[in-house]
Amino acid sequence: MIIPVSFWIFYHVKTKKYTDSDVSDRKQRTGLYFFLAGSIVAYLTFFYWQSSRVDFVLLFLLILLIVMQVSNYFIKSSMHTAINIFVAALMFTLNPFYGFAWLAISIAVAYSRIILKRHSPAEVLSGAVIASIVSFIYLYTTIQIQ
């Protein structure tokens, strides 16, 4: 997942289709969201074909990206904040201490997005709320399955 996405972003920055590697422009983000979603769907399909199981982590990451894509039509929600909050939920399933530690990192990332003027407070809050809802559903689903 990392290699194709990194190549996609690098290629689009070099060809000037993206103004920066953060993909800060809302219109430019649309293409990135579709590429990310397509990559995850390809991975989920391959994983299911190989193991006859669903990778719930990537499934919920796909859900998070789809909701972020929808929100992108209204507000440029902070993807950095959203993904870090989702990672905090993933870490929480391993060890609550790790989850809270990563949540602290997420708060620092959210604050840095505002300080660097990449996002407004409303955009960071939007990403945080979206990720919190998806993360809560992920945690609830994981607890129910176990």
Protein backbone atom coordinates (compact mmCIF):
# COMPACT_ATOMS: atom_id res chain seq x y z
CA MET A 1 0.00 0.00 0.00
CA ILE A 2 2.76 2.44 0.92
CA ILE A 3 4.74 2.06 -2.31
CA PRO A 4 1.92 2.70 -4.83
CA VAL A 5 0.47 5.58 -2.79
CA SER A 6 3.88 7.18 -2.31
CA PHE A 7 4.61 6.80 -6.03
CA TRP A 8 1.19 8.29 -6.89
CA ILE A 9 1.77 11.36 -4.74
CA PHE A 10 5.42 11.78 -5.84
CA TYR A 11 4.46 11.49 -9.51
CA HIS A 12 1.65 14.02 -9.22
CA VAL A 13 3.83 16.51 -7.32
CA LYS A 14 6.61 16.20 -9.92
CA THR A 15 4.18 16.65 -12.83
CA LYS A 16 2.66 19.67 -11.02
CA LYS A 17 -0.81 18.09 -10.76
CA TYR A 18 -0.49 18.43 -6.98
CA THR A 19 0.85 21.67 -5.55
CA ASP A 20 2.51 19.88 -2.60
CA SER A 21 3.00 16.43 -1.10
CA ASP A 22 0.35 17.17 1.55
CA VAL A 23 -2.24 17.40 -1.25
CA SER A 24 -3.70 20.45 0.44
CA ASP A 25 -6.00 21.51 -2.38
CA ARG A 26 -9.54 20.11 -2.06
CA LYS A 27 -9.93 19.49 -5.79
CA GLN A 28 -6.57 17.71 -5.96
CA ARG A 29 -7.53 15.56 -2.97
CA THR A 30 -10.45 14.05 -4.88
CA GLY A 31 -8.10 12.12 -7.16
CA LEU A 32 -6.00 10.99 -4.21
CA TYR A 33 -9.05 9.72 -2.32
CA PHE A 34 -10.18 7.69 -5.33
CA PHE A 35 -6.69 6.24 -5.80
CA LEU A 36 -6.44 5.35 -2.10
CA ALA A 37 -9.88 3.75 -2.11
CA GLY A 38 -9.09 1.78 -5.26
CA SER A 39 -5.82 0.55 -3.78
CA ILE A 40 -7.53 -0.57 -0.59
CA VAL A 41 -10.34 -2.30 -2.48
CA ALA A 42 -7.72 -4.14 -4.59
CA TYR A 43 -5.89 -5.19 -1.42
CA LEU A 44 -9.10 -6.29 0.33
CA THR A 45 -10.13 -8.32 -2.71
CA PHE A 46 -6.73 -10.00 -2.92
CA PHE A 47 -6.63 -10.65 0.84
CA TYR A 48 -10.12 -12.19 0.79
CA TRP A 49 -9.24 -14.30 -2.24
CA GLN A 50 -6.09 -15.58 -0.51
CA SER A 51 -7.45 -16.15 3.00
CA SER A 52 -11.27 -16.15 2.76
CA ARG A 53 -11.24 -13.52 5.53
CA VAL A 54 -11.90 -9.79 5.64
CA ASP A 55 -9.13 -7.50 6.88
CA PHE A 56 -11.22 -5.34 9.23
CA VAL A 57 -8.46 -2.79 9.78
CA LEU A 58 -8.25 -1.98 6.07
CA LEU A 59 -12.02 -2.21 5.69
CA PHE A 60 -12.49 0.46 8.34
CA LEU A 61 -9.67 2.52 6.84
CA LEU A 62 -11.61 2.36 3.56
CA ILE A 63 -14.76 3.50 5.36
CA LEU A 64 -12.81 6.36 6.94
CA LEU A 65 -11.48 7.42 3.54
CA ILE A 66 -14.93 7.27 1.94
CA VAL A 67 -16.41 9.46 4.70
CA MET A 68 -13.42 11.83 4.38
CA GLN A 69 -14.04 11.99 0.62
CA VAL A 70 -17.66 12.91 1.16
CA SER A 71 -16.69 15.54 3.73
CA ASN A 72 -14.13 16.91 1.27
CA TYR A 73 -17.01 18.24 -0.85
CA PHE A 74 -18.05 20.44 2.11
CA ILE A 75 -14.90 21.08 4.15
CA LYS A 76 -11.25 20.11 3.71
CA SER A 77 -11.10 17.80 6.74
CA SER A 78 -7.61 17.08 8.05
CA MET A 79 -6.58 13.68 6.77
CA HIS A 80 -3.45 13.75 8.97
CA THR A 81 -5.56 14.19 12.08
CA ALA A 82 -8.14 11.61 11.02
CA ILE A 83 -5.64 8.89 10.22
CA ASN A 84 -3.68 9.49 13.42
CA ILE A 85 -6.83 9.20 15.53
CA PHE A 86 -7.69 5.97 13.71
CA VAL A 87 -4.18 4.66 14.42
CA ALA A 88 -4.72 5.55 18.09
CA ALA A 89 -7.79 3.29 18.06
CA LEU A 90 -5.75 0.52 16.45
CA MET A 91 -3.07 0.94 19.11
CA PHE A 92 -5.76 0.87 21.80
CA THR A 93 -6.71 -2.66 20.72
CA LEU A 94 -3.11 -3.73 21.37
CA ASN A 95 -2.67 -1.90 24.66
CA PRO A 96 -4.69 1.00 26.10
CA PHE A 97 -1.48 2.81 27.08
CA TYR A 98 -0.32 2.75 23.44
CA GLY A 99 -3.72 4.03 22.34
CA PHE A 100 -3.64 6.99 24.71
CA ALA A 101 0.01 7.70 23.82
CA TRP A 102 -0.88 7.77 20.13
CA LEU A 103 -3.88 9.95 20.89
CA ALA A 104 -1.45 12.45 22.43
CA ILE A 105 0.57 12.29 19.21
CA SER A 106 -2.65 12.84 17.27
CA ILE A 107 -3.38 15.98 19.26
CA ALA A 108 0.12 17.26 18.52
CA VAL A 109 -0.37 16.51 14.81
CA ALA A 110 -3.73 18.29 14.82
CA TYR A 111 -2.20 21.33 16.51
CA SER A 112 0.71 21.34 14.04
CA ARG A 113 -1.71 21.35 11.08
CA ILE A 114 -3.20 24.57 12.45
CA ILE A 115 0.17 26.15 13.31
CA LEU A 116 1.54 25.32 9.84
CA LYS A 117 -1.62 26.89 8.35
CA ARG A 118 -2.42 23.73 6.40
CA HIS A 119 -5.86 23.60 8.03
CA SER A 120 -8.21 25.79 10.00
CA PRO A 121 -9.39 24.68 13.46
CA ALA A 122 -12.75 23.69 11.92
CA GLU A 123 -11.02 21.44 9.35
CA VAL A 124 -8.93 19.75 12.05
CA LEU A 125 -12.01 19.32 14.23
CA SER A 126 -13.93 17.86 11.28
CA GLY A 127 -11.20 15.28 10.65
CA ALA A 128 -11.07 14.44 14.37
CA VAL A 129 -14.84 13.97 14.65
CA ILE A 130 -15.04 11.79 11.54
CA ALA A 131 -12.14 9.63 12.70
CA SER A 132 -13.54 9.39 16.24
CA ILE A 133 -16.86 8.07 14.96
CA VAL A 134 -15.28 5.55 12.58
CA SER A 135 -12.77 4.53 15.27
CA PHE A 136 -15.54 4.02 17.83
CA ILE A 137 -17.44 1.79 15.40
CA TYR A 138 -14.20 -0.09 14.65
CA LEU A 139 -13.50 -0.64 18.36
CA TYR A 140 -17.09 -1.71 19.03
CA THR A 141 -17.02 -4.14 16.09
CA THR A 142 -13.66 -5.56 17.17
CA ILE A 143 -14.90 -6.13 20.73
CA GLN A 144 -18.07 -7.83 19.45
CA ILE A 145 -16.15 -10.14 17.12
CA GLN A 146 -13.69 -11.19 19.83
